[in-house]
């Protein structure tokens, strides 16, 4: 990685309800990418600064979506690795007109939760 900023975190697949109601009743969702560090990396890139992201994703559709979205936002994904054993985390987010939406995370045991010292050692 050449000079720039490095973000480390767990980007997730995000399914956002298209209509209000309890998540178990929702039938239509929009697909996006979520995660605090992902949001920061996207903002930094939009400011024209060089930014890289270190994470581990599952070798699954959410993982491929996330890496494609990183690259599409001008974020270097050279430090992204894939796991064939663990899956990419994801979350469901409700839609509300008032108050806070329901949110459920599915990230226990995710690929990013297995990040270790050996992943950090890949940074040059």
Protein backbone atom coordinates (compact mmCIF):
# COMPACT_ATOMS: atom_id res chain seq x y z
CA UNK A 1 0.00 0.00 0.00
CA UNK A 2 1.45 3.37 -0.95
CA UNK A 3 0.75 6.50 1.07
CA UNK A 4 -2.87 7.11 1.92
CA UNK A 5 -5.35 6.12 4.58
CA UNK A 6 -6.14 2.56 5.60
CA UNK A 7 -9.47 1.49 7.05
CA UNK A 8 -9.92 -1.88 8.73
CA UNK A 9 -13.37 -3.23 9.46
CA UNK A 10 -16.31 -5.39 8.56
CA UNK A 11 -18.34 -4.26 5.60
CA UNK A 12 -21.64 -6.10 5.38
CA UNK A 13 -24.35 -6.82 2.92
CA UNK A 14 -27.37 -4.65 3.72
CA UNK A 15 -30.96 -5.56 2.96
CA UNK A 16 -33.20 -2.49 3.46
CA UNK A 17 -36.95 -2.98 3.70
CA UNK A 18 -38.86 -1.21 0.94
CA UNK A 19 -42.02 -0.88 3.03
CA UNK A 20 -42.76 -0.25 6.67
CA UNK A 21 -43.68 -3.08 8.99
CA UNK A 22 -42.10 -5.80 11.07
CA UNK A 23 -39.14 -7.32 9.24
CA UNK A 24 -40.75 -10.75 9.27
CA UNK A 25 -43.60 -9.34 7.15
CA UNK A 26 -41.47 -7.46 4.62
CA UNK A 27 -41.26 -9.10 1.20
CA UNK A 28 -39.20 -6.56 -0.76
CA UNK A 29 -35.72 -5.33 0.10
CA UNK A 30 -33.10 -3.13 -1.56
CA UNK A 31 -29.53 -4.40 -1.59
CA UNK A 32 -26.61 -2.20 -0.49
CA UNK A 33 -23.38 -2.28 1.50
CA UNK A 34 -23.10 -1.17 5.14
CA UNK A 35 -20.50 -0.69 7.82
CA UNK A 36 -19.03 2.28 9.66
CA UNK A 37 -15.55 1.91 8.19
CA UNK A 38 -17.00 1.37 4.71
CA UNK A 39 -18.93 4.64 5.04
CA UNK A 40 -15.81 6.51 6.19
CA UNK A 41 -13.71 5.01 3.38
CA UNK A 42 -16.34 6.04 0.82
CA UNK A 43 -16.40 9.60 2.16
CA UNK A 44 -12.60 9.85 2.14
CA UNK A 45 -12.47 8.60 -1.44
CA UNK A 46 -15.13 11.10 -2.53
CA UNK A 47 -12.94 13.87 -1.09
CA UNK A 48 -10.27 12.76 -3.56
CA UNK A 49 -7.94 11.13 -1.06
CA UNK A 50 -6.31 7.71 -1.49
CA UNK A 51 -7.89 5.10 0.76
CA UNK A 52 -7.44 1.35 1.13
CA UNK A 53 -9.58 -1.17 2.99
CA UNK A 54 -8.38 -4.23 4.90
CA UNK A 55 -11.01 -6.87 5.55
CA UNK A 56 -11.86 -10.50 5.04
CA UNK A 57 -14.97 -11.48 3.09
CA UNK A 58 -16.71 -14.75 2.47
CA UNK A 59 -16.40 -16.23 -1.01
CA UNK A 60 -20.10 -15.57 -1.56
CA UNK A 61 -22.39 -13.10 -3.37
CA UNK A 62 -22.27 -10.51 -0.55
CA UNK A 63 -18.47 -10.64 -0.52
CA UNK A 64 -18.28 -10.13 -4.28
CA UNK A 65 -20.80 -7.27 -4.08
CA UNK A 66 -18.76 -5.58 -1.36
CA UNK A 67 -15.45 -5.79 -3.22
CA UNK A 68 -17.08 -4.51 -6.40
CA UNK A 69 -18.65 -1.63 -4.44
CA UNK A 70 -15.31 -0.76 -2.84
CA UNK A 71 -13.63 -0.58 -6.23
CA UNK A 72 -16.60 1.32 -7.70
CA UNK A 73 -16.12 3.96 -5.01
CA UNK A 74 -12.41 4.33 -5.76
CA UNK A 75 -11.32 2.39 -2.67
CA UNK A 76 -8.26 0.16 -3.05
CA UNK A 77 -9.29 -3.44 -2.35
CA UNK A 78 -5.79 -4.93 -2.59
CA UNK A 79 -5.88 -5.91 1.09
CA UNK A 80 -9.24 -7.70 0.84
CA UNK A 81 -8.97 -11.45 1.31
CA UNK A 82 -11.57 -14.17 0.96
CA UNK A 83 -12.50 -17.11 3.14
CA UNK A 84 -13.96 -20.29 1.68
CA UNK A 85 -15.12 -21.37 5.17
CA UNK A 86 -16.75 -18.31 6.73
CA UNK A 87 -19.46 -16.16 5.14
CA UNK A 88 -19.75 -12.43 4.73
CA UNK A 89 -21.84 -10.77 7.43
CA UNK A 90 -25.07 -9.03 6.53
CA UNK A 91 -27.84 -7.07 8.18
CA UNK A 92 -31.55 -6.40 7.77
CA UNK A 93 -32.81 -2.87 8.24
CA UNK A 94 -36.45 -1.90 8.54
CA UNK A 95 -38.15 1.15 7.11
CA UNK A 96 -39.95 3.61 9.38
CA UNK A 97 -41.52 7.03 9.03
CA UNK A 98 -40.81 7.84 12.72
CA UNK A 99 -38.25 6.62 15.20
CA UNK A 100 -35.51 4.08 14.72
CA UNK A 101 -35.82 1.16 12.30
CA UNK A 102 -35.50 -2.47 13.33
CA UNK A 103 -32.00 -3.77 12.66
CA UNK A 104 -30.81 -7.37 12.84
CA UNK A 105 -27.18 -8.35 12.34
CA UNK A 106 -26.03 -11.69 10.98
CA UNK A 107 -22.31 -11.42 11.56
CA UNK A 108 -21.34 -13.84 14.35
CA UNK A 109 -18.64 -16.10 12.95
CA UNK A 110 -18.32 -14.01 9.79
CA UNK A 111 -15.20 -13.97 7.65
CA UNK A 112 -14.23 -10.52 8.98
CA UNK A 113 -14.44 -11.81 12.55
CA UNK A 114 -11.45 -14.04 11.75
CA UNK A 115 -9.12 -11.15 10.86
CA UNK A 116 -5.83 -11.79 12.61
CA UNK A 117 -2.28 -10.57 12.98
CA UNK A 118 -1.32 -12.46 9.82
CA UNK A 119 -3.82 -10.36 7.82
CA UNK A 120 -2.28 -7.15 9.17
CA UNK A 121 1.21 -8.38 8.30
CA UNK A 122 0.23 -8.17 4.59
CA UNK A 123 0.45 -4.37 4.80
CA UNK A 124 3.63 -3.08 3.18
